[in-house]
Amino acid sequence: MTDLLLYKKAEVLLLDCYPVIQNFPKAEKFALCQEIKQALYRMLRNITLANNIKSRRRVLQEEIDAEIKLLLVLFNVALQQKYLSKGRHYQLQVKLNEIGRILGGWMRSS
C-alpha cells in the first residue's frame, strides 16, 4: 500500500510542478524544464515498475531515489537562477523529502 501512496504523492508533485516551470524563461524550456519533467516521469514509471516487478524492486527503488536527488539539485539550480521563489522552492523540497521518506520506508520493508 505504501507504494500506491508513493505514486499518488509523486503524481501530485508533477501536477504542482507544471505551473511552476511554465514561469521559467524561454531559454530554459528545453533544458531545465524538460529535465525536471523527465525526472518526474521516470520516477512515476519506476514506482509503477517496482510495484509490479518484484525481482527488480530494489534496483528500481534505488533509481527512484536517484531521481529524487536529481530533482533536488535541479530545483536548487532553479532557485539560484531566481526562476523559483524561496517559498515555492521550500514547498517543492518538502514534498520531495516526504516522497523520500515514504520510499525509504518501502525500501526497508521489502
N, C-alpha and C. Protein backbone atom coordinates (compact mmCIF):
# COMPACT_ATOMS: atom_id res chain seq x y z
N MET A 1 0.81 -1.20 0.00
CA MET A 1 0.00 0.00 0.00
C MET A 1 0.86 1.27 0.00
N THR A 2 2.03 1.18 0.61
CA THR A 2 2.93 2.33 0.66
C THR A 2 3.30 2.79 -0.75
N ASP A 3 3.50 1.82 -1.63
CA ASP A 3 3.90 2.17 -2.98
C ASP A 3 2.80 2.95 -3.70
N LEU A 4 1.55 2.66 -3.42
CA LEU A 4 0.48 3.41 -4.04
C LEU A 4 0.43 4.84 -3.51
N LEU A 5 0.66 5.00 -2.21
CA LEU A 5 0.74 6.34 -1.63
C LEU A 5 1.92 7.09 -2.24
N LEU A 6 3.02 6.40 -2.43
CA LEU A 6 4.20 7.00 -3.06
C LEU A 6 3.86 7.50 -4.46
N TYR A 7 3.15 6.70 -5.23
CA TYR A 7 2.77 7.09 -6.59
C TYR A 7 1.88 8.33 -6.55
N LYS A 8 0.90 8.35 -5.65
CA LYS A 8 -0.01 9.49 -5.55
C LYS A 8 0.73 10.77 -5.19
N LYS A 9 1.67 10.67 -4.24
CA LYS A 9 2.45 11.83 -3.84
C LYS A 9 3.31 12.34 -5.00
N ALA A 10 3.90 11.41 -5.76
CA ALA A 10 4.73 11.80 -6.90
C ALA A 10 3.88 12.44 -8.00
N GLU A 11 2.69 11.93 -8.18
CA GLU A 11 1.79 12.49 -9.18
C GLU A 11 1.36 13.92 -8.79
N VAL A 12 1.09 14.12 -7.51
CA VAL A 12 0.75 15.46 -7.03
C VAL A 12 1.92 16.42 -7.24
N LEU A 13 3.13 15.94 -6.99
CA LEU A 13 4.32 16.76 -7.22
C LEU A 13 4.43 17.16 -8.68
N LEU A 14 4.19 16.21 -9.58
CA LEU A 14 4.23 16.51 -11.01
C LEU A 14 3.22 17.60 -11.36
N LEU A 15 2.00 17.46 -10.86
CA LEU A 15 0.96 18.45 -11.16
C LEU A 15 1.29 19.81 -10.55
N ASP A 16 1.96 19.81 -9.40
CA ASP A 16 2.37 21.07 -8.78
C ASP A 16 3.52 21.73 -9.54
N CYS A 17 4.33 20.94 -10.20
CA CYS A 17 5.50 21.47 -10.92
C CYS A 17 5.12 22.15 -12.24
N TYR A 18 4.06 21.70 -12.87
CA TYR A 18 3.71 22.26 -14.17
C TYR A 18 3.51 23.77 -14.16
N PRO A 19 2.70 24.33 -13.26
CA PRO A 19 2.57 25.80 -13.28
C PRO A 19 3.88 26.51 -12.91
N VAL A 20 4.69 25.87 -12.10
CA VAL A 20 5.96 26.47 -11.68
C VAL A 20 6.91 26.58 -12.87
N ILE A 21 7.06 25.50 -13.62
CA ILE A 21 8.04 25.53 -14.71
C ILE A 21 7.54 26.32 -15.92
N GLN A 22 6.26 26.60 -15.97
CA GLN A 22 5.75 27.45 -17.06
C GLN A 22 6.27 28.88 -16.92
N ASN A 23 6.65 29.25 -15.70
CA ASN A 23 7.17 30.60 -15.47
C ASN A 23 8.67 30.72 -15.68
N PHE A 24 9.33 29.62 -16.02
CA PHE A 24 10.76 29.68 -16.31
C PHE A 24 10.96 30.43 -17.63
N PRO A 25 12.13 31.04 -17.81
CA PRO A 25 12.38 31.75 -19.08
C PRO A 25 12.38 30.79 -20.27
N LYS A 26 12.11 31.37 -21.45
CA LYS A 26 12.06 30.56 -22.67
C LYS A 26 13.35 29.79 -22.92
N ALA A 27 14.47 30.38 -22.55
CA ALA A 27 15.77 29.73 -22.78
C ALA A 27 15.87 28.42 -22.03
N GLU A 28 15.12 28.27 -20.94
CA GLU A 28 15.19 27.05 -20.13
C GLU A 28 14.09 26.04 -20.45
N LYS A 29 13.19 26.38 -21.35
CA LYS A 29 12.06 25.49 -21.64
C LYS A 29 12.52 24.11 -22.11
N PHE A 30 13.58 24.07 -22.91
CA PHE A 30 14.03 22.79 -23.44
C PHE A 30 15.28 22.28 -22.74
N ALA A 31 15.60 22.86 -21.62
CA ALA A 31 16.76 22.39 -20.86
C ALA A 31 16.31 22.02 -19.45
N LEU A 32 16.28 22.98 -18.56
CA LEU A 32 15.94 22.72 -17.17
C LEU A 32 14.50 22.22 -17.01
N CYS A 33 13.56 22.85 -17.69
CA CYS A 33 12.15 22.42 -17.61
C CYS A 33 11.99 20.99 -18.09
N GLN A 34 12.60 20.70 -19.21
CA GLN A 34 12.50 19.36 -19.78
C GLN A 34 13.12 18.31 -18.86
N GLU A 35 14.25 18.64 -18.27
CA GLU A 35 14.93 17.70 -17.37
C GLU A 35 14.09 17.44 -16.12
N ILE A 36 13.46 18.48 -15.59
CA ILE A 36 12.59 18.31 -14.41
C ILE A 36 11.42 17.40 -14.76
N LYS A 37 10.76 17.68 -15.89
CA LYS A 37 9.62 16.85 -16.29
C LYS A 37 10.03 15.41 -16.53
N GLN A 38 11.14 15.20 -17.21
CA GLN A 38 11.60 13.84 -17.50
C GLN A 38 11.94 13.09 -16.22
N ALA A 39 12.56 13.76 -15.26
CA ALA A 39 12.89 13.11 -13.99
C ALA A 39 11.62 12.70 -13.26
N LEU A 40 10.61 13.55 -13.30
CA LEU A 40 9.33 13.22 -12.66
C LEU A 40 8.65 12.05 -13.36
N TYR A 41 8.68 12.04 -14.70
CA TYR A 41 8.09 10.92 -15.46
C TYR A 41 8.82 9.62 -15.16
N ARG A 42 10.17 9.67 -15.12
CA ARG A 42 10.94 8.47 -14.82
C ARG A 42 10.63 7.95 -13.42
N MET A 43 10.47 8.89 -12.49
CA MET A 43 10.15 8.49 -11.12
C MET A 43 8.80 7.77 -11.08
N LEU A 44 7.78 8.32 -11.73
CA LEU A 44 6.47 7.67 -11.76
C LEU A 44 6.55 6.30 -12.44
N ARG A 45 7.29 6.23 -13.52
CA ARG A 45 7.44 4.96 -14.25
C ARG A 45 8.11 3.91 -13.37
N ASN A 46 9.18 4.31 -12.68
CA ASN A 46 9.91 3.36 -11.83
C ASN A 46 9.09 2.93 -10.62
N ILE A 47 8.26 3.82 -10.09
CA ILE A 47 7.38 3.44 -8.98
C ILE A 47 6.43 2.34 -9.45
N THR A 48 5.85 2.54 -10.62
CA THR A 48 4.92 1.53 -11.17
C THR A 48 5.63 0.22 -11.42
N LEU A 49 6.81 0.28 -12.02
CA LEU A 49 7.56 -0.94 -12.30
C LEU A 49 7.97 -1.65 -11.02
N ALA A 50 8.44 -0.90 -10.03
CA ALA A 50 8.87 -1.52 -8.77
C ALA A 50 7.69 -2.19 -8.07
N ASN A 51 6.52 -1.63 -8.22
CA ASN A 51 5.33 -2.22 -7.62
C ASN A 51 4.96 -3.53 -8.30
N ASN A 52 5.23 -3.64 -9.58
CA ASN A 52 4.79 -4.80 -10.36
C ASN A 52 5.85 -5.86 -10.59
N ILE A 53 7.13 -5.50 -10.54
CA ILE A 53 8.20 -6.45 -10.83
C ILE A 53 9.02 -6.66 -9.56
N LYS A 54 8.68 -7.71 -8.84
CA LYS A 54 9.33 -7.95 -7.54
C LYS A 54 10.81 -8.28 -7.67
N SER A 55 11.20 -8.93 -8.75
CA SER A 55 12.59 -9.35 -8.91
C SER A 55 13.55 -8.17 -9.07
N ARG A 56 13.06 -7.04 -9.60
CA ARG A 56 13.91 -5.87 -9.82
C ARG A 56 13.56 -4.72 -8.88
N ARG A 57 12.77 -5.01 -7.86
CA ARG A 57 12.24 -3.96 -6.99
C ARG A 57 13.33 -3.09 -6.38
N ARG A 58 14.36 -3.71 -5.82
CA ARG A 58 15.41 -2.94 -5.12
C ARG A 58 16.13 -1.99 -6.08
N VAL A 59 16.46 -2.47 -7.26
CA VAL A 59 17.15 -1.63 -8.25
C VAL A 59 16.27 -0.46 -8.65
N LEU A 60 15.00 -0.73 -8.87
CA LEU A 60 14.08 0.33 -9.27
C LEU A 60 13.87 1.34 -8.14
N GLN A 61 13.83 0.85 -6.91
CA GLN A 61 13.71 1.77 -5.77
C GLN A 61 14.93 2.69 -5.68
N GLU A 62 16.10 2.15 -5.95
CA GLU A 62 17.31 2.96 -5.94
C GLU A 62 17.29 3.99 -7.07
N GLU A 63 16.71 3.62 -8.21
CA GLU A 63 16.57 4.58 -9.31
C GLU A 63 15.60 5.70 -8.94
N ILE A 64 14.54 5.36 -8.23
CA ILE A 64 13.60 6.38 -7.75
C ILE A 64 14.32 7.35 -6.82
N ASP A 65 15.14 6.80 -5.92
CA ASP A 65 15.91 7.63 -5.00
C ASP A 65 16.86 8.56 -5.77
N ALA A 66 17.47 8.05 -6.82
CA ALA A 66 18.37 8.87 -7.63
C ALA A 66 17.60 10.01 -8.31
N GLU A 67 16.40 9.74 -8.76
CA GLU A 67 15.58 10.79 -9.39
C GLU A 67 15.22 11.87 -8.38
N ILE A 68 14.92 11.46 -7.15
CA ILE A 68 14.61 12.44 -6.09
C ILE A 68 15.81 13.35 -5.86
N LYS A 69 16.99 12.76 -5.79
CA LYS A 69 18.20 13.56 -5.57
C LYS A 69 18.46 14.49 -6.75
N LEU A 70 18.23 14.00 -7.97
CA LEU A 70 18.39 14.84 -9.16
C LEU A 70 17.41 16.02 -9.12
N LEU A 71 16.17 15.75 -8.75
CA LEU A 71 15.18 16.83 -8.68
C LEU A 71 15.56 17.87 -7.64
N LEU A 72 16.10 17.44 -6.51
CA LEU A 72 16.56 18.41 -5.51
C LEU A 72 17.64 19.32 -6.09
N VAL A 73 18.55 18.75 -6.85
CA VAL A 73 19.62 19.54 -7.47
C VAL A 73 19.03 20.50 -8.51
N LEU A 74 18.12 20.01 -9.34
CA LEU A 74 17.52 20.85 -10.37
C LEU A 74 16.74 22.01 -9.77
N PHE A 75 16.00 21.73 -8.69
CA PHE A 75 15.26 22.81 -8.03
C PHE A 75 16.21 23.81 -7.37
N ASN A 76 17.34 23.34 -6.88
CA ASN A 76 18.35 24.26 -6.32
C ASN A 76 18.93 25.16 -7.40
N VAL A 77 19.17 24.60 -8.58
CA VAL A 77 19.66 25.40 -9.71
C VAL A 77 18.63 26.46 -10.08
N ALA A 78 17.36 26.04 -10.13
CA ALA A 78 16.29 26.99 -10.47
C ALA A 78 16.20 28.10 -9.42
N LEU A 79 16.41 27.76 -8.16
CA LEU A 79 16.39 28.78 -7.10
C LEU A 79 17.55 29.74 -7.26
N GLN A 80 18.74 29.21 -7.52
CA GLN A 80 19.93 30.07 -7.67
C GLN A 80 19.80 31.00 -8.87
N GLN A 81 19.13 30.52 -9.91
CA GLN A 81 18.94 31.35 -11.11
C GLN A 81 17.74 32.29 -10.97
N LYS A 82 17.06 32.20 -9.81
CA LYS A 82 15.90 33.02 -9.49
C LYS A 82 14.70 32.72 -10.38
N TYR A 83 14.59 31.46 -10.83
CA TYR A 83 13.40 31.03 -11.56
C TYR A 83 12.32 30.59 -10.58
N LEU A 84 12.74 30.27 -9.35
CA LEU A 84 11.82 29.85 -8.28
C LEU A 84 11.95 30.81 -7.11
N SER A 85 10.84 31.10 -6.47
CA SER A 85 10.90 31.87 -5.23
C SER A 85 11.36 30.93 -4.11
N LYS A 86 11.84 31.51 -3.04
CA LYS A 86 12.29 30.69 -1.91
C LYS A 86 11.13 29.90 -1.31
N GLY A 87 9.95 30.52 -1.27
CA GLY A 87 8.77 29.84 -0.73
C GLY A 87 8.36 28.64 -1.56
N ARG A 88 8.33 28.82 -2.88
CA ARG A 88 7.96 27.72 -3.77
C ARG A 88 9.00 26.62 -3.72
N HIS A 89 10.28 27.03 -3.68
CA HIS A 89 11.36 26.05 -3.58
C HIS A 89 11.21 25.22 -2.32
N TYR A 90 10.88 25.87 -1.22
CA TYR A 90 10.70 25.16 0.05
C TYR A 90 9.53 24.17 -0.05
N GLN A 91 8.43 24.58 -0.66
CA GLN A 91 7.27 23.69 -0.83
C GLN A 91 7.64 22.45 -1.63
N LEU A 92 8.36 22.64 -2.72
CA LEU A 92 8.76 21.51 -3.56
C LEU A 92 9.74 20.61 -2.81
N GLN A 93 10.64 21.21 -2.06
CA GLN A 93 11.62 20.44 -1.30
C GLN A 93 10.93 19.61 -0.22
N VAL A 94 9.93 20.17 0.45
CA VAL A 94 9.18 19.44 1.47
C VAL A 94 8.49 18.23 0.84
N LYS A 95 7.89 18.43 -0.33
CA LYS A 95 7.20 17.32 -1.00
C LYS A 95 8.18 16.24 -1.42
N LEU A 96 9.32 16.64 -1.93
CA LEU A 96 10.34 15.65 -2.31
C LEU A 96 10.86 14.90 -1.10
N ASN A 97 11.06 15.59 0.00
CA ASN A 97 11.51 14.93 1.23
C ASN A 97 10.48 13.94 1.73
N GLU A 98 9.21 14.29 1.63
CA GLU A 98 8.15 13.38 2.04
C GLU A 98 8.14 12.12 1.17
N ILE A 99 8.30 12.32 -0.13
CA ILE A 99 8.38 11.18 -1.05
C ILE A 99 9.58 10.32 -0.70
N GLY A 100 10.70 10.95 -0.38
CA GLY A 100 11.90 10.22 0.01
C GLY A 100 11.71 9.40 1.28
N ARG A 101 11.00 9.96 2.25
CA ARG A 101 10.73 9.21 3.49
C ARG A 101 9.82 8.01 3.22
N ILE A 102 8.81 8.20 2.39
CA ILE A 102 7.91 7.09 2.05
C ILE A 102 8.71 6.00 1.32
N LEU A 103 9.55 6.42 0.39
CA LEU A 103 10.38 5.47 -0.36
C LEU A 103 11.31 4.72 0.59
N GLY A 104 11.92 5.43 1.52
CA GLY A 104 12.81 4.78 2.48
C GLY A 104 12.10 3.72 3.30
N GLY A 105 10.88 4.00 3.72
CA GLY A 105 10.09 3.02 4.45
C GLY A 105 9.78 1.80 3.61
N TRP A 106 9.47 2.05 2.34
CA TRP A 106 9.16 0.95 1.41
C TRP A 106 10.41 0.09 1.20
N MET A 107 11.56 0.75 1.07
CA MET A 107 12.80 0.01 0.85
C MET A 107 13.15 -0.84 2.08
N ARG A 108 12.95 -0.31 3.27
CA ARG A 108 13.23 -1.07 4.48
C ARG A 108 12.28 -2.26 4.64
N SER A 109 11.04 -2.09 4.20
CA SER A 109 10.05 -3.16 4.40
C SER A 109 10.18 -4.29 3.37
N SER A 110 10.84 -4.02 2.26
CA SER A 110 10.93 -5.07 1.23
C SER A 110 12.32 -5.64 1.08
